[in-house]
Protein backbone atom coordinates (compact mmCIF):
# COMPACT_ATOMS: atom_id res chain seq x y z
CA MET A 1 -12.28 -21.30 0.56
CA SER A 2 -10.63 -23.03 3.45
CA ASP A 3 -8.24 -21.27 5.84
CA TYR A 4 -4.76 -22.14 4.63
CA LYS A 5 -3.33 -21.57 8.13
CA ALA A 6 -5.13 -24.64 9.40
CA ARG A 7 -3.40 -26.76 6.75
CA ILE A 8 0.20 -25.48 6.92
CA GLN A 9 2.50 -26.42 9.78
CA ILE A 10 5.91 -25.01 10.74
CA ASP A 11 7.64 -27.07 13.39
CA PRO A 12 11.41 -27.23 13.92
CA ALA A 13 11.09 -30.97 14.64
CA ILE A 14 9.51 -31.65 11.18
CA MET A 15 11.58 -31.23 8.03
CA ALA A 16 13.91 -28.82 9.85
CA GLY A 17 11.12 -26.28 10.22
CA LYS A 18 10.13 -26.03 6.55
CA PRO A 19 6.43 -25.32 6.04
CA VAL A 20 4.63 -28.61 5.43
CA ILE A 21 1.11 -29.80 5.00
CA ARG A 22 -0.14 -30.45 8.54
CA GLY A 23 0.01 -34.09 9.52
CA THR A 24 2.42 -34.97 6.74
CA ARG A 25 6.07 -34.45 5.83
CA ILE A 26 5.10 -33.03 2.46
CA PRO A 27 6.83 -29.63 2.10
CA VAL A 28 4.91 -26.69 0.66
CA ASP A 29 7.85 -25.93 -1.66
CA ARG A 30 7.69 -29.45 -3.09
CA ILE A 31 4.03 -28.95 -3.99
CA LEU A 32 4.76 -25.61 -5.58
CA ALA A 33 7.76 -26.94 -7.49
CA GLU A 34 5.74 -29.84 -8.90
CA LEU A 35 3.00 -27.44 -10.00
CA GLY A 36 5.62 -25.18 -11.55
CA HIS A 37 7.02 -28.11 -13.52
CA GLY A 38 3.61 -28.75 -15.00
CA VAL A 39 2.46 -31.57 -12.74
CA GLY A 40 -1.33 -31.31 -12.49
CA GLU A 41 -3.46 -31.49 -9.37
CA THR A 42 -4.73 -34.98 -10.20
CA GLU A 43 -1.16 -36.28 -10.66
CA LEU A 44 -0.06 -34.68 -7.39
CA LEU A 45 -2.88 -36.38 -5.58
CA VAL A 46 -1.71 -39.72 -6.99
CA MET A 47 1.91 -38.99 -6.13
CA TYR A 48 1.05 -38.00 -2.58
CA PRO A 49 -2.02 -39.98 -1.47
CA ARG A 50 -2.25 -38.10 1.88
CA LEU A 51 -2.55 -34.78 0.01
CA THR A 52 -5.94 -33.26 -0.76
CA ALA A 53 -6.99 -30.66 -3.30
CA GLU A 54 -7.54 -28.25 -0.39
CA ASP A 55 -3.92 -28.84 0.71
CA ILE A 56 -2.66 -27.88 -2.76
CA ARG A 57 -4.70 -24.65 -2.64
CA ALA A 58 -3.46 -23.97 0.88
CA ALA A 59 0.16 -24.28 -0.31
CA GLN A 60 -0.54 -21.80 -3.08
CA LEU A 61 -2.29 -19.37 -0.78
CA TYR A 62 0.54 -19.64 1.77
CA ALA A 63 3.10 -18.80 -0.92
CA ALA A 64 1.04 -15.86 -2.12
CA ALA A 65 0.76 -14.53 1.48
CA ILE A 66 4.52 -14.86 2.04
CA LEU A 67 5.34 -13.13 -1.25
CA SER A 68 2.91 -10.31 -0.63
CA ASN A 69 4.19 -9.78 2.91
CA GLN A 70 0.62 -9.43 4.03
CA GLU A 71 0.54 -12.32 6.43
CA VAL A 72 3.10 -14.78 7.75
CA LEU A 73 2.50 -17.83 9.99
CA ALA A 74 4.27 -17.55 13.28
CA HIS A 75 7.09 -20.04 13.76
């Protein structure tokens, strides 16, 4: 399993500081919302060609860490 911290970026200059996939302007919440609406991984990868399967998993792991209050990326 890859380290999700290496794939998630929080920068006030990018998308007003929303967590995004590093090197893109794809917000983590967009990925999670699409998954929640039933969009599958394959479809997400077509919708966002710069996205990888590892990025999708990183978004899920980041959300789980935030919700569990175990670990939070520094801003």
